[in-house]
Amino acid sequence: MTDLNPARILGIESSCDETAAAIIENGSNLLAGSVATQIDLHKKYGGVFPEVASRQHILSIYPIIEETLQKAHLSWDEIDAIAVTRGPGLAGSLVVGMNAAKGIALARNLPLVGVNHLEGHIYSSWIRPDAADRFTPPKFPVMALLVSGGHTELNLMKGHLNYQRLGATLDDAAGEAFDKVARLIGLPYPGGPSIETAAIEGNPSAFNFPRARLEGGWDFSFSGLKTAVLRTVKQLEADAVEFPVADLAASFQEAVVDALYTKTIAAAKEFGVREIVVAGGVSANKALRAAFMGQGDFPVHIPPLYHCTDNAAMIAAAGYYRFAHGHIDSLDVDVLPTWPLR
């Protein structure tokens, strides 16, 4: 799988509302992973409540780490390094994971590796799926589309840890737009799964919502789309007609998928990449997955659903490549909530 030195990396992820730990061997083989989700805690707020999230991380972090070691049947003496999410994310949540990682690294005399959360999402495509008989990692150069609740961007990768950001969202991220539109049309949090489920019974052509093409660059914009949905909802309410939730969901989802797919394929052709990676929480969307997997121009790597949302396996995988290339952090390393992917 790799010409780099073998190593087992314990990854820790706490950037938002998932407390997670995982152990990856040689950048690809998942030995064990555990996640404590907080979705039910935050549903009543309609989104993540930062203070609640950080307090829950404190309660969950060490039990999750111990559970992961037990699942892998490993001792601390069999771990080569600790990888932890450094940012971006919620500052309070990041600090919990970072402090836990620092404490373990100090107590066990293990190297500490800070990992960009977005980088982790990309490297989820380098993790061997469960029970995969054959697995081929992405071949460089790669066009990586990152789509999550807080980020939407295109990165050209010419090698490991080599990122050239071509474009990003100028306003709302795709996942953020899903959450906000879900609230507008009366669907529960989290918005991505709610809209996807509602869209199954809807007509994606019922409403002609706009696509911000932004010609001449590789940026995205979803604010205008969100505003168009809002205006449509207000008009429907003013007309006192039956509220077509399924059609609204399907038409909105179609507009987002079209914008993401069209620009990514165009960039892949423009820069002559070999393969495409689609990663981040929104990559779990079935319509988006179908669009990319249905084209025949490029091999496409999309992680299995359990590695699309926040998890520690992706942090351990990215951490392996940083560790193998000598990117070790000192114990005074700090969190960077808005750390760019570079």
Protein backbone atom coordinates (compact mmCIF):
# COMPACT_ATOMS: atom_id res chain seq x y z
CA MET A 1 0.00 0.00 0.00
CA THR A 2 2.87 2.39 0.71
CA ASP A 3 6.64 2.58 0.55
CA LEU A 4 6.72 4.56 3.81
CA ASN A 5 7.72 3.09 7.15
CA PRO A 6 5.02 1.03 8.93
CA ALA A 7 3.35 2.67 11.91
CA ARG A 8 0.22 2.54 14.04
CA ILE A 9 -1.38 5.93 14.62
CA LEU A 10 -4.02 6.70 17.24
CA GLY A 11 -6.25 9.48 15.90
CA ILE A 12 -8.42 11.80 18.02
CA GLU A 13 -11.20 13.95 16.56
CA SER A 14 -13.24 16.55 18.48
CA SER A 15 -13.68 19.46 16.09
CA CYS A 16 -17.45 19.78 16.37
CA ASP A 17 -20.02 17.47 17.96
CA GLU A 18 -18.46 14.02 17.49
CA THR A 19 -15.98 12.62 20.02
CA ALA A 20 -13.97 9.99 18.17
CA ALA A 21 -10.84 7.86 18.36
CA ALA A 22 -9.40 5.36 15.89
CA ILE A 23 -6.24 3.40 15.18
CA ILE A 24 -4.88 3.21 11.64
CA GLU A 25 -2.01 1.00 10.58
CA ASN A 26 0.22 2.08 7.69
CA GLY A 27 -2.15 4.83 6.59
CA SER A 28 -4.82 2.46 5.30
CA ASN A 29 -5.78 -0.40 7.61
CA LEU A 30 -8.39 0.52 10.21
CA LEU A 31 -7.75 -1.57 13.32
CA ALA A 32 -10.50 -0.02 15.46
CA GLY A 33 -12.63 3.08 15.76
CA SER A 34 -15.20 4.53 18.15
CA VAL A 35 -17.50 7.56 17.91
CA ALA A 36 -19.69 9.21 20.54
CA THR A 37 -22.24 11.31 18.70
CA GLN A 38 -24.06 14.32 20.13
CA ILE A 39 -26.80 14.70 17.52
CA ASP A 40 -29.64 14.10 19.98
CA LEU A 41 -28.21 16.71 22.37
CA HIS A 42 -28.22 19.44 19.72
CA LYS A 43 -31.47 18.69 17.89
CA LYS A 44 -33.51 20.96 20.16
CA TYR A 45 -31.24 23.88 19.22
CA GLY A 46 -31.53 23.25 15.48
CA GLY A 47 -27.73 23.11 15.24
CA VAL A 48 -24.60 22.57 17.30
CA PHE A 49 -24.49 24.48 20.62
CA PRO A 50 -20.73 25.05 21.16
CA GLU A 51 -20.75 25.12 24.97
CA VAL A 52 -22.79 21.92 25.19
CA ALA A 53 -20.51 20.26 22.65
CA SER A 54 -17.28 21.03 24.51
CA ARG A 55 -18.67 19.83 27.85
CA GLN A 56 -19.81 16.56 26.31
CA HIS A 57 -16.39 16.04 24.73
CA ILE A 58 -14.84 16.25 28.22
CA LEU A 59 -17.13 13.45 29.41
CA SER A 60 -16.55 11.23 26.37
CA ILE A 61 -12.94 11.66 25.27
CA TYR A 62 -11.05 9.25 27.55
CA PRO A 63 -13.69 6.47 27.55
CA ILE A 64 -13.71 6.60 23.73
CA ILE A 65 -9.91 6.33 23.55
CA GLU A 66 -9.82 3.39 25.97
CA GLU A 67 -12.66 1.68 24.10
CA THR A 68 -10.73 2.00 20.84
CA LEU A 69 -7.58 0.46 22.29
CA GLN A 70 -9.62 -2.43 23.67
CA LYS A 71 -11.34 -3.00 20.32
CA ALA A 72 -7.95 -3.16 18.58
CA HIS A 73 -6.52 -5.44 21.30
CA LEU A 74 -3.51 -3.14 21.57
CA SER A 75 -1.55 -1.62 24.42
CA TRP A 76 -0.02 1.85 24.48
CA ASP A 77 3.37 0.26 23.79
CA GLU A 78 2.06 -0.75 20.35
CA ILE A 79 1.09 2.80 19.32
CA ASP A 80 3.72 4.80 17.39
CA ALA A 81 2.19 8.32 17.42
CA ILE A 82 -0.86 10.39 18.38
CA ALA A 83 -2.66 12.37 15.67
CA VAL A 84 -5.23 14.98 16.69
CA THR A 85 -7.45 17.46 14.91
CA ARG A 86 -5.90 20.90 15.26
CA GLY A 87 -8.52 22.81 13.29
CA PRO A 88 -10.66 24.11 11.78
CA GLY A 89 -13.58 23.65 14.13
CA LEU A 90 -15.15 24.92 17.34
CA ALA A 91 -12.39 26.25 19.58
CA GLY A 92 -13.79 24.77 22.78
CA SER A 93 -14.26 21.36 21.20
CA LEU A 94 -10.82 21.36 19.61
CA VAL A 95 -9.14 22.19 22.93
CA VAL A 96 -10.59 19.07 24.57
CA GLY A 97 -9.16 16.74 21.94
CA MET A 98 -5.85 18.60 21.77
CA ASN A 99 -5.33 18.55 25.53
CA ALA A 100 -6.13 14.85 25.69
CA ALA A 101 -3.62 14.17 22.90
CA LYS A 102 -0.95 16.29 24.58
CA GLY A 103 -1.45 14.52 27.89
CA ILE A 104 -1.13 11.10 26.30
CA ALA A 105 1.89 12.12 24.22
CA LEU A 106 3.64 13.46 27.34
CA ALA A 107 2.75 10.54 29.59
CA ARG A 108 3.59 7.87 27.01
CA ASN A 109 6.51 9.67 25.34
CA LEU A 110 4.81 9.47 21.94
CA PRO A 111 5.17 11.85 18.96
CA LEU A 112 2.30 14.32 18.52
CA VAL A 113 0.94 15.18 15.06
CA GLY A 114 -1.54 18.01 14.50
CA VAL A 115 -3.88 17.34 11.56
CA ASN A 116 -6.06 19.68 9.56
CA HIS A 117 -9.68 18.47 9.78
CA LEU A 118 -10.21 19.06 6.06
CA GLU A 119 -7.04 17.14 5.26
CA GLY A 120 -8.50 14.29 7.29
CA HIS A 121 -11.63 14.22 5.15
CA ILE A 122 -9.51 13.94 2.02
CA TYR A 123 -7.48 11.07 3.47
CA SER A 124 -10.63 9.11 4.28
CA SER A 125 -10.31 7.89 0.68
CA TRP A 126 -6.98 6.27 1.58
CA ILE A 127 -8.63 4.05 4.23
CA ARG A 128 -9.39 0.48 3.18
CA PRO A 129 -13.18 -0.05 3.40
CA ASP A 130 -14.41 -2.80 5.69
CA ALA A 131 -14.16 -6.29 4.18
CA ALA A 132 -12.68 -4.96 0.92
CA ASP A 133 -11.00 -7.80 -0.95
CA ARG A 134 -9.10 -5.40 -3.18
CA PHE A 135 -8.42 -1.77 -2.53
CA THR A 136 -6.60 0.77 -4.67
CA PRO A 137 -5.93 4.21 -3.17
CA PRO A 138 -6.31 7.37 -5.30
CA LYS A 139 -3.59 7.97 -7.88
CA PHE A 140 -2.01 11.40 -8.16
CA PRO A 141 -2.62 13.98 -9.44
CA VAL A 142 -6.03 14.09 -7.74
CA MET A 143 -8.83 16.65 -7.79
CA ALA A 144 -10.32 16.72 -4.27
CA LEU A 145 -13.79 18.16 -3.70
CA LEU A 146 -14.39 18.93 -0.01
CA VAL A 147 -18.06 19.36 0.89
CA SER A 148 -19.06 19.71 4.51
CA GLY A 149 -21.12 21.80 6.90
CA GLY A 150 -18.47 24.48 7.15
CA HIS A 151 -16.40 24.15 3.98
CA THR A 152 -16.76 23.69 0.26
CA GLU A 153 -13.60 23.83 -1.82
CA LEU A 154 -11.61 22.30 -4.66
CA ASN A 155 -8.01 21.21 -4.04
CA LEU A 156 -5.50 19.94 -6.55
CA MET A 157 -3.19 17.32 -5.04
CA LYS A 158 -0.02 16.41 -6.90
CA GLY A 159 1.25 14.21 -4.08
CA HIS A 160 0.80 13.42 -0.41
CA LEU A 161 0.32 16.56 1.73
CA ASN A 162 0.59 18.71 -1.41
CA TYR A 163 -2.49 20.93 -1.73
CA GLN A 164 -3.27 23.72 -4.15
CA ARG A 165 -6.61 25.29 -3.34
CA LEU A 166 -8.24 26.26 -6.62
CA GLY A 167 -11.51 27.61 -5.26
CA ALA A 168 -13.86 27.69 -2.29
CA THR A 169 -17.29 28.91 -1.34
CA LEU A 170 -17.64 32.68 -1.26
CA ASP A 171 -20.46 32.52 1.30
CA ASP A 172 -22.37 29.48 2.59
CA ALA A 173 -20.84 26.01 2.51
CA ALA A 174 -22.94 23.31 0.86
CA GLY A 175 -23.70 21.57 4.16
CA GLU A 176 -24.60 24.87 5.81
CA ALA A 177 -27.02 25.57 2.96
CA PHE A 178 -28.62 22.14 3.48
CA ASP A 179 -29.19 22.90 7.18
CA LYS A 180 -30.61 26.37 6.56
CA VAL A 181 -32.91 25.30 3.73
CA ALA A 182 -34.14 22.36 5.80
CA ARG A 183 -35.28 24.82 8.48
CA LEU A 184 -36.95 27.01 5.85
CA ILE A 185 -39.08 24.14 4.54
CA GLY A 186 -39.85 22.65 7.96
CA LEU A 187 -37.46 19.70 8.05
CA PRO A 188 -35.51 18.68 11.18
CA TYR A 189 -31.80 18.97 11.96
CA PRO A 190 -29.46 17.73 10.59
CA GLY A 191 -30.60 19.17 7.29
CA GLY A 192 -28.58 17.02 4.89
CA PRO A 193 -30.22 13.66 5.69
CA SER A 194 -33.64 15.32 6.11
CA ILE A 195 -33.56 16.92 2.67
CA GLU A 196 -32.20 13.77 1.05
CA THR A 197 -35.04 11.70 2.53
CA ALA A 198 -37.73 14.22 1.57
CA ALA A 199 -36.31 14.57 -1.95
CA ILE A 200 -36.93 10.89 -2.72
CA GLU A 201 -40.63 11.62 -3.24
CA GLY A 202 -40.06 14.97 -4.93
CA ASN A 203 -39.61 16.28 -8.47
CA PRO A 204 -36.12 17.82 -8.94
CA SER A 205 -37.47 19.89 -11.84
CA ALA A 206 -40.44 21.33 -9.96
CA PHE A 207 -38.58 24.55 -9.14
CA ASN A 208 -35.87 26.08 -11.31
CA PHE A 209 -33.51 27.20 -8.58
CA PRO A 210 -30.36 29.11 -9.65
CA ARG A 211 -26.80 27.80 -9.98
CA ALA A 212 -24.04 30.33 -9.33
CA ARG A 213 -21.66 29.46 -12.15
CA LEU A 214 -19.04 32.13 -11.28
CA GLU A 215 -17.33 31.89 -14.64
CA GLY A 216 -13.58 32.41 -14.80
CA GLY A 217 -12.75 30.70 -11.51
CA TRP A 218 -13.31 27.65 -9.36
CA ASP A 219 -15.24 29.23 -6.49
CA PHE A 220 -18.72 28.25 -5.32
CA SER A 221 -21.65 30.27 -4.00
CA PHE A 222 -24.83 28.97 -2.36
CA SER A 223 -26.19 32.12 -0.74
CA GLY A 224 -28.25 33.06 -3.83
CA LEU A 225 -29.71 29.57 -3.96
CA LYS A 226 -30.69 29.76 -0.30
CA THR A 227 -32.32 33.17 -0.91
CA ALA A 228 -34.22 31.79 -3.91
CA VAL A 229 -35.67 29.02 -1.74
CA LEU A 230 -36.65 31.57 0.91
CA ARG A 231 -38.46 33.74 -1.64
CA THR A 232 -40.24 30.70 -3.05
CA VAL A 233 -41.35 29.62 0.41
CA LYS A 234 -42.70 33.11 1.20
CA GLN A 235 -44.56 33.21 -2.11
CA LEU A 236 -46.13 29.80 -1.47
CA GLU A 237 -47.19 30.94 1.99
CA ALA A 238 -48.65 34.16 0.55
CA ASP A 239 -50.59 32.16 -2.04
CA ALA A 240 -51.83 29.81 0.70
CA VAL A 241 -51.17 26.76 -1.47
CA GLU A 242 -50.22 23.31 -0.27
CA PHE A 243 -46.57 23.32 0.77
CA PRO A 244 -44.66 20.97 -1.60
CA VAL A 245 -41.86 20.00 0.80
CA ALA A 246 -40.66 17.04 -1.28
CA ASP A 247 -40.47 19.08 -4.50
CA LEU A 248 -38.65 21.93 -2.74
CA ALA A 249 -36.17 19.49 -1.22
CA ALA A 250 -35.57 17.69 -4.51
CA SER A 251 -35.17 20.89 -6.52
CA PHE A 252 -32.78 22.41 -3.99
CA GLN A 253 -30.72 19.22 -3.79
CA GLU A 254 -30.53 19.06 -7.59
CA ALA A 255 -29.21 22.63 -7.75
CA VAL A 256 -26.46 21.93 -5.18
CA VAL A 257 -25.41 18.65 -6.78
CA ASP A 258 -25.33 20.22 -10.24
CA ALA A 259 -23.09 23.08 -9.09
CA LEU A 260 -20.67 20.79 -7.24
CA TYR A 261 -20.49 18.16 -9.97
CA THR A 262 -20.20 20.49 -12.94
CA LYS A 263 -17.38 22.60 -11.50
CA THR A 264 -15.42 19.61 -10.19
CA ILE A 265 -15.48 17.75 -13.50
CA ALA A 266 -14.51 20.92 -15.37
CA ALA A 267 -11.56 21.50 -13.00
CA ALA A 268 -10.47 17.88 -13.28
CA LYS A 269 -10.33 18.21 -17.09
CA GLU A 270 -8.65 21.62 -16.97
CA PHE A 271 -5.82 20.44 -14.70
CA GLY A 272 -5.41 17.00 -16.24
CA VAL A 273 -5.83 14.93 -13.08
CA ARG A 274 -5.98 11.16 -13.07
CA GLU A 275 -8.69 10.70 -10.44
CA ILE A 276 -11.24 12.53 -8.29
CA VAL A 277 -11.83 12.39 -4.54
CA VAL A 278 -15.13 13.58 -3.05
CA ALA A 279 -15.04 13.92 0.74
CA GLY A 280 -16.74 15.55 3.71
CA GLY A 281 -20.13 15.12 5.31
CA VAL A 282 -22.09 16.13 2.20
CA SER A 283 -20.35 13.37 0.23
CA ALA A 284 -22.79 11.01 1.98
CA ASN A 285 -25.58 12.48 -0.16
CA LYS A 286 -26.83 9.77 -2.51
CA ALA A 287 -27.65 12.14 -5.36
CA LEU A 288 -24.14 13.62 -5.27
CA ARG A 289 -22.57 10.16 -5.15
CA ALA A 290 -24.72 8.99 -8.07
CA ALA A 291 -23.74 11.99 -10.19
CA PHE A 292 -20.01 11.36 -9.78
CA MET A 293 -20.16 7.58 -10.00
CA GLY A 294 -22.37 7.79 -13.09
CA GLN A 295 -19.78 9.61 -15.24
CA GLY A 296 -17.08 7.78 -17.14
CA ASP A 297 -14.32 10.37 -17.53
CA PHE A 298 -12.53 9.84 -14.20
CA PRO A 299 -12.23 7.17 -11.52
CA VAL A 300 -13.90 8.61 -8.43
CA HIS A 301 -13.17 7.81 -4.79
CA ILE A 302 -15.93 8.49 -2.26
CA PRO A 303 -15.56 7.06 1.25
CA PRO A 304 -18.19 4.70 2.63
CA LEU A 305 -20.93 6.48 4.55
CA TYR A 306 -19.40 5.78 7.96
CA HIS A 307 -16.24 7.68 6.92
CA CYS A 308 -18.01 10.65 5.32
CA THR A 309 -19.03 12.33 8.54
CA ASP A 310 -16.55 13.37 11.23
CA ASN A 311 -14.49 10.44 12.49
CA ALA A 312 -11.03 9.77 13.89
CA ALA A 313 -9.95 7.18 11.30
CA MET A 314 -9.49 9.96 8.75
CA ILE A 315 -7.39 11.95 11.27
CA ALA A 316 -5.22 8.91 11.95
CA ALA A 317 -4.82 8.26 8.20
CA ALA A 318 -3.72 11.83 7.49
CA GLY A 319 -1.61 11.73 10.63
CA TYR A 320 0.21 8.66 9.34
CA TYR A 321 1.41 10.51 6.23
CA ARG A 322 2.44 13.54 8.27
CA PHE A 323 4.29 11.32 10.76
CA ALA A 324 5.95 9.34 7.98
CA HIS A 325 7.15 12.57 6.36
CA GLY A 326 8.59 13.87 9.62
CA HIS A 327 5.88 16.43 10.46
CA ILE A 328 5.99 16.18 14.25
CA ASP A 329 4.60 18.89 16.54
CA SER A 330 5.91 20.05 19.91
CA LEU A 331 3.73 19.84 23.01
CA ASP A 332 3.10 23.60 22.92
CA VAL A 333 1.20 23.29 19.64
CA ASP A 334 -2.13 25.14 19.78
CA VAL A 335 -5.49 24.71 18.12
CA LEU A 336 -6.26 26.78 15.03
CA PRO A 337 -10.06 26.97 14.61
CA THR A 338 -9.77 28.61 11.16
CA TRP A 339 -6.60 26.85 10.03
CA PRO A 340 -6.52 26.74 6.20
CA LEU A 341 -5.70 23.59 4.28
CA ARG A 342 -2.15 24.14 3.03
